Amino acid sequence: MSRLFKDVFVQLLQNNSLTAYKLSKDLGISEALISQWKSGRQLPKYDSINLLCDYFNVSADYLLGRTDNPNSHKQ
């Protein structure tokens, strides 16, 4: 069963003990935008998905809830 982006994103933040503030500083993305992603009011654009995948070292398919394997990009 696929999961929503916001659920995967929030889980990644929690698993890495990250705050929206820390992520915003690390990636140069506004906290307001991160808050919208967390709530599901907005989805990230292509370039932000790439940043998030690199930052968390996960595949886009995992980030977007299309697979439960965060390392599917390494196969």
C-alpha atoms as a PDB file:
ATOM      1  CA  MET A   1       0.000   0.000   0.000  1.00  0.00           C
ATOM      2  CA  SER A   2       1.435   3.356  -0.968  1.00  0.00           C
ATOM      3  CA  ARG A   3       1.933   6.119   1.549  1.00  0.00           C
ATOM      4  CA  LEU A   4       1.523   9.835   1.143  1.00  0.00           C
ATOM      5  CA  PHE A   5       4.549  12.089   0.710  1.00  0.00           C
ATOM      6  CA  LYS A   6       3.739  13.998   3.895  1.00  0.00           C
ATOM      7  CA  ASP A   7       3.784  10.788   5.952  1.00  0.00           C
ATOM      8  CA  VAL A   8       7.139   9.684   4.557  1.00  0.00           C
ATOM      9  CA  PHE A   9       8.574  13.194   4.945  1.00  0.00           C
ATOM     10  CA  VAL A  10       7.487  13.529   8.579  1.00  0.00           C
ATOM     11  CA  GLN A  11       8.870  10.064   9.324  1.00  0.00           C
ATOM     12  CA  LEU A  12      12.232  10.989   7.781  1.00  0.00           C
ATOM     13  CA  LEU A  13      12.374  14.145   9.887  1.00  0.00           C
ATOM     14  CA  GLN A  14      11.563  12.198  13.051  1.00  0.00           C
ATOM     15  CA  ASN A  15      13.961   9.335  12.295  1.00  0.00           C
ATOM     16  CA  ASN A  16      16.778  11.838  11.772  1.00  0.00           C
ATOM     17  CA  SER A  17      15.799  14.045  14.753  1.00  0.00           C
ATOM     18  CA  LEU A  18      15.460  17.021  12.413  1.00  0.00           C
ATOM     19  CA  THR A  19      13.448  20.167  12.901  1.00  0.00           C
ATOM     20  CA  ALA A  20      11.989  22.212  10.077  1.00  0.00           C
ATOM     21  CA  TYR A  21      14.407  24.967  11.097  1.00  0.00           C
ATOM     22  CA  LYS A  22      17.486  22.737  10.733  1.00  0.00           C
ATOM     23  CA  LEU A  23      16.315  21.345   7.395  1.00  0.00           C
ATOM     24  CA  SER A  24      15.530  24.821   6.104  1.00  0.00           C
ATOM     25  CA  LYS A  25      19.020  26.032   7.003  1.00  0.00           C
ATOM     26  CA  ASP A  26      20.709  22.945   5.541  1.00  0.00           C
ATOM     27  CA  LEU A  27      18.820  23.084   2.230  1.00  0.00           C
ATOM     28  CA  GLY A  28      18.064  26.796   1.878  1.00  0.00           C
ATOM     29  CA  ILE A  29      14.305  26.164   1.817  1.00  0.00           C
ATOM     30  CA  SER A  30      11.894  28.281   3.844  1.00  0.00           C
ATOM     31  CA  GLU A  31      10.415  26.855   7.022  1.00  0.00           C
ATOM     32  CA  ALA A  32       6.982  27.891   5.761  1.00  0.00           C
ATOM     33  CA  LEU A  33       7.369  25.683   2.690  1.00  0.00           C
ATOM     34  CA  ILE A  34       8.582  22.776   4.816  1.00  0.00           C
ATOM     35  CA  SER A  35       5.544  23.258   7.044  1.00  0.00           C
ATOM     36  CA  GLN A  36       3.285  23.034   3.997  1.00  0.00           C
ATOM     37  CA  TRP A  37       4.973  19.798   2.952  1.00  0.00           C
ATOM     38  CA  LYS A  38       4.558  18.353   6.454  1.00  0.00           C
ATOM     39  CA  SER A  39       0.868  19.176   6.525  1.00  0.00           C
ATOM     40  CA  GLY A  40       0.225  17.931   2.998  1.00  0.00           C
ATOM     41  CA  ARG A  41      -1.013  21.320   1.785  1.00  0.00           C
ATOM     42  CA  GLN A  42       1.678  21.367  -0.888  1.00  0.00           C
ATOM     43  CA  LEU A  43       3.969  18.882  -2.598  1.00  0.00           C
ATOM     44  CA  PRO A  44       7.619  19.656  -3.338  1.00  0.00           C
ATOM     45  CA  LYS A  45       8.642  20.547  -6.855  1.00  0.00           C
ATOM     46  CA  TYR A  46      11.084  18.433  -8.857  1.00  0.00           C
ATOM     47  CA  ASP A  47      14.241  20.274  -7.751  1.00  0.00           C
ATOM     48  CA  SER A  48      13.206  20.055  -4.090  1.00  0.00           C
ATOM     49  CA  ILE A  49      12.502  16.332  -4.423  1.00  0.00           C
ATOM     50  CA  ASN A  50      16.045  15.878  -5.707  1.00  0.00           C
ATOM     51  CA  LEU A  51      17.448  17.890  -2.788  1.00  0.00           C
ATOM     52  CA  LEU A  52      15.460  15.864  -0.282  1.00  0.00           C
ATOM     53  CA  CYS A  53      16.493  12.543  -1.847  1.00  0.00           C
ATOM     54  CA  ASP A  54      20.154  13.505  -1.695  1.00  0.00           C
ATOM     55  CA  TYR A  55      19.836  14.903   1.837  1.00  0.00           C
ATOM     56  CA  PHE A  56      18.106  11.819   3.263  1.00  0.00           C
ATOM     57  CA  ASN A  57      19.876   9.380   0.908  1.00  0.00           C
ATOM     58  CA  VAL A  58      16.609   7.843  -0.259  1.00  0.00           C
ATOM     59  CA  SER A  59      15.048   7.248  -3.655  1.00  0.00           C
ATOM     60  CA  ALA A  60      12.367   9.492  -5.123  1.00  0.00           C
ATOM     61  CA  ASP A  61      10.054   6.476  -5.237  1.00  0.00           C
ATOM     62  CA  TYR A  62      10.450   6.073  -1.478  1.00  0.00           C
ATOM     63  CA  LEU A  63      10.012   9.775  -0.796  1.00  0.00           C
ATOM     64  CA  LEU A  64       6.859   9.863  -2.894  1.00  0.00           C
ATOM     65  CA  GLY A  65       5.451   6.768  -1.205  1.00  0.00           C
ATOM     66  CA  ARG A  66       5.710   4.464  -4.221  1.00  0.00           C
ATOM     67  CA  THR A  67       7.906   1.912  -2.433  1.00  0.00           C
ATOM     68  CA  ASP A  68       8.661   0.968   1.155  1.00  0.00           C
ATOM     69  CA  ASN A  69      12.342   0.456   0.328  1.00  0.00           C
ATOM     70  CA  PRO A  70      14.294   3.669   0.977  1.00  0.00           C
ATOM     71  CA  ASN A  71      17.292   2.199  -0.843  1.00  0.00           C
ATOM     72  CA  SER A  72      15.527   1.220  -4.061  1.00  0.00           C
ATOM     73  CA  HIS A  73      17.809   3.653  -5.922  1.00  0.00           C
ATOM     74  CA  LYS A  74      20.866   1.562  -4.968  1.00  0.00           C
ATOM     75  CA  GLN A  75      19.731  -1.660  -6.627  1.00  0.00           C
END
